[in-house]
Each structure stands twice: as structure tokens, then as C-alpha cells.
């Protein structure tokens, strides 16, 4: 199973858990399985069946560009990176 690193902004959906092993061969499957375990988190990551524009994904240290269809390896480390707004 892939290891998903939960960013601090989303840990309120995971009861503070910062990393979790999740099954799935694509980002879509990983998010779906993550949502089964942690209700509410899907809405933070997915919009209209695609990754929200404000969310980037890193798989094994490489920025993913394939959206929800991006392949995830059995031993991959997946980071969901929410955009940080603000500033002037």
C-alpha cells in the first residue's frame, strides 16, 4: 500500500494522523480509499471528479501532472500539497 502523508491543514479530518497506508493504483483510488476511512477529506481534494486546482500531488518526490489518473506504486509515498494563499 502507498503511504499518504497528510498535510497539517487536512489532519482535522484524520483525527491528527499525519501518515496512513492506503491501497490504490491511481490517485483517484487512493483518494477514494482515504475518503472511506476519513469522511470529509474527499471534498478537500476533489472537485468535479478531478483534483482541485488548489491541490498539488507529489509521488515519490516528483510532482504529479496526471491528475486523478496518475499511477501510484505499491510502495509509493504520496503527498497532497494544498496551495497556500495570502500575502500582498
Protein backbone atom coordinates (compact mmCIF):
# COMPACT_ATOMS: atom_id res chain seq x y z
CA UNK A 1 0.00 0.00 0.00
CA UNK A 2 1.10 3.55 -0.66
CA UNK A 3 1.91 5.79 2.28
CA UNK A 4 -0.04 9.05 2.19
CA UNK A 5 1.40 11.99 4.10
CA UNK A 6 -1.47 14.11 5.40
CA UNK A 7 -0.70 17.84 5.42
CA UNK A 8 -1.37 19.77 8.63
CA UNK A 9 -4.36 21.59 7.10
CA UNK A 10 -6.17 18.27 6.50
CA UNK A 11 -5.37 16.50 9.76
CA UNK A 12 -8.63 17.68 11.29
CA UNK A 13 -10.26 15.05 9.03
CA UNK A 14 -7.86 12.32 10.19
CA UNK A 15 -8.00 12.95 13.95
CA UNK A 16 -4.43 14.23 13.79
CA UNK A 17 -2.96 11.26 11.94
CA UNK A 18 -0.13 12.51 9.75
CA UNK A 19 0.56 9.43 7.65
CA UNK A 20 -1.52 6.45 6.64
CA UNK A 21 -1.14 3.44 4.36
CA UNK A 22 -3.78 3.45 1.62
CA UNK A 23 -4.48 1.00 -1.20
CA UNK A 24 -4.87 2.22 -4.76
CA UNK A 25 -3.17 2.12 -8.11
CA UNK A 26 -4.10 5.68 -9.09
CA UNK A 27 -4.58 8.95 -7.25
CA UNK A 28 -8.35 8.57 -7.77
CA UNK A 29 -8.33 5.19 -6.00
CA UNK A 30 -6.07 6.45 -3.21
CA UNK A 31 -8.36 9.45 -2.58
CA UNK A 32 -11.48 7.24 -2.67
CA UNK A 33 -9.97 4.82 -0.14
CA UNK A 34 -8.71 7.69 2.01
CA UNK A 35 -12.26 9.12 2.00
CA UNK A 36 -13.72 5.80 3.09
CA UNK A 37 -11.53 5.86 6.15
CA UNK A 38 -11.73 9.62 6.80
CA UNK A 39 -15.12 11.10 5.83
CA UNK A 40 -14.96 14.66 4.55
CA UNK A 41 -11.43 14.54 3.20
CA UNK A 42 -12.51 13.82 -0.39
CA UNK A 43 -14.27 17.19 -0.60
CA UNK A 44 -11.00 18.87 0.31
CA UNK A 45 -9.10 17.17 -2.53
CA UNK A 46 -11.57 16.52 -5.36
CA UNK A 47 -13.91 18.78 -7.33
CA UNK A 48 -15.93 17.59 -10.34
CA UNK A 49 -14.10 14.22 -10.25
CA UNK A 50 -10.69 15.95 -10.63
CA UNK A 51 -8.11 17.22 -8.19
CA UNK A 52 -8.98 20.69 -7.00
CA UNK A 53 -6.84 23.34 -8.71
CA UNK A 54 -5.59 24.32 -5.25
CA UNK A 55 -4.13 20.85 -4.58
CA UNK A 56 -0.86 19.51 -5.94
CA UNK A 57 0.34 15.92 -5.61
CA UNK A 58 3.84 14.58 -5.20
CA UNK A 59 4.52 10.88 -5.71
CA UNK A 60 7.90 9.60 -4.59
CA UNK A 61 9.30 13.12 -4.58
CA UNK A 62 8.14 14.01 -8.10
CA UNK A 63 5.31 16.42 -8.81
CA UNK A 64 2.48 14.50 -10.47
CA UNK A 65 0.91 16.02 -13.58
CA UNK A 66 -1.62 13.32 -14.47
CA UNK A 67 -4.30 14.37 -12.01
CA UNK A 68 -6.51 11.61 -10.63
CA UNK A 69 -5.24 9.19 -13.31
CA UNK A 70 -1.63 9.42 -12.11
CA UNK A 71 -0.28 5.97 -11.27
CA UNK A 72 0.71 5.17 -7.69
CA UNK A 73 3.12 2.35 -6.91
CA UNK A 74 2.59 -0.22 -4.19
CA UNK A 75 5.39 1.31 -2.09
CA UNK A 76 4.95 4.95 -3.16
CA UNK A 77 4.90 7.93 -0.83
CA UNK A 78 2.13 10.36 -1.75
CA UNK A 79 1.94 13.97 -0.58
CA UNK A 80 -1.16 16.13 -1.08
CA UNK A 81 0.03 19.73 -1.09
CA UNK A 82 -2.65 22.37 -0.59
CA UNK A 83 -1.95 25.81 -2.01
CA UNK A 84 -1.07 28.44 0.50
CA UNK A 85 -2.77 31.78 -0.11
CA UNK A 86 -2.24 35.18 1.31
CA UNK A 87 0.35 37.89 1.15
CA UNK A 88 0.23 41.16 -0.65
